[in-house]
Protein backbone atom coordinates (compact mmCIF):
# COMPACT_ATOMS: atom_id res chain seq x y z
CA MET A 1 50.72 121.39 159.19
CA GLU A 2 48.39 124.02 157.78
CA ALA A 3 51.19 125.81 155.93
CA ARG A 4 52.41 122.51 154.47
CA GLN A 5 48.90 121.63 153.25
CA ASN A 6 48.33 125.10 151.77
CA LEU A 7 51.69 124.97 149.99
CA ALA A 8 51.05 121.49 148.60
CA ARG A 9 47.64 122.60 147.28
CA LEU A 10 49.12 125.69 145.58
CA CYS A 11 52.02 123.74 144.07
CA ASP A 12 49.72 121.01 142.77
CA LYS A 13 47.57 123.61 141.08
CA HIS A 14 50.25 125.99 139.75
CA LEU A 15 53.49 123.99 139.57
CA LYS A 16 52.38 120.42 138.88
CA GLY A 17 55.55 118.33 138.44
CA ARG A 18 57.81 121.40 138.45
CA HIS A 19 58.59 121.81 142.14
CA THR A 20 60.41 120.26 145.07
CA ILE A 21 59.41 120.86 148.67
CA GLU A 22 61.94 120.27 151.42
CA VAL A 23 60.58 120.43 154.96
CA VAL A 24 63.14 121.23 157.66
CA ASP A 25 62.34 120.63 161.32
CA VAL A 26 64.06 123.61 162.93
CA LEU A 27 64.25 121.81 166.26
CA LYS A 28 66.23 118.97 164.69
CA SER A 29 68.17 121.06 162.17
CA ALA A 30 68.80 124.38 163.88
CA ALA A 31 71.97 124.96 161.85
CA VAL A 32 69.99 124.79 158.58
CA ALA A 33 67.41 127.22 159.95
CA LEU A 34 70.08 129.66 161.07
CA ALA A 35 71.92 129.39 157.74
CA HIS A 36 68.72 130.52 155.98
CA HIS A 37 67.91 133.17 158.62
CA VAL A 38 64.73 131.42 159.74
CA LEU A 39 63.71 133.02 163.03
CA VAL A 40 59.98 132.19 163.07
CA THR A 41 57.92 129.27 161.84
CA PRO A 42 56.34 128.43 159.59
CA THR A 43 58.63 130.02 156.99
CA LEU A 44 58.64 129.28 153.27
CA ILE A 45 61.80 130.08 151.32
CA ALA A 46 61.39 129.82 147.56
CA MET A 47 64.93 129.36 146.28
CA ALA A 48 64.39 129.15 142.53
CA PRO A 49 63.84 130.69 140.19
CA GLY A 50 65.49 133.72 141.73
CA PRO A 51 65.24 136.03 143.42
CA VAL A 52 64.82 134.17 146.71
CA VAL A 53 61.40 134.83 148.28
CA THR A 54 60.65 134.35 151.99
CA LEU A 55 57.06 134.05 153.24
CA LEU A 56 55.94 133.71 156.84
CA GLY A 57 52.79 132.17 158.24
CA ASN A 58 50.31 129.49 157.25
CA LEU A 59 50.13 130.57 153.57
CA SER A 60 46.34 130.82 153.74
CA ASP A 61 46.20 134.13 151.83
CA THR A 62 46.29 132.41 148.44
CA LYS A 63 46.30 135.60 146.35
CA ARG A 64 49.24 137.01 148.29
CA VAL A 65 51.24 133.76 148.08
CA ILE A 66 50.59 133.46 144.33
CA ALA A 67 51.72 137.05 143.81
CA ALA A 68 54.83 136.67 146.00
CA LEU A 69 55.87 133.50 144.18
CA ARG A 70 55.12 135.15 140.81
CA LEU A 71 52.69 132.39 139.82
CA ASN A 72 50.26 134.87 138.31
CA GLY A 73 52.59 135.96 135.51
CA HIS A 74 53.38 139.29 137.20
CA GLU A 75 56.44 140.41 139.11
CA ARG A 76 56.10 141.07 142.83
């Protein structure tokens, strides 16, 4: 829940109207989790724009998440 809330807050601030969030329950969709190599939760996989970025945890370190997702105008 915390990761979802942190992600929604960041997207609303930095990607307003330019993002889609798909939440996958790994207990109900284990095949999807395995296909994306999700071994721990919570996991965020940013698919586009490439390259694919995978972040683990509750996404509370805002500066690190912004940098990893290249929302600060800099490459990782």
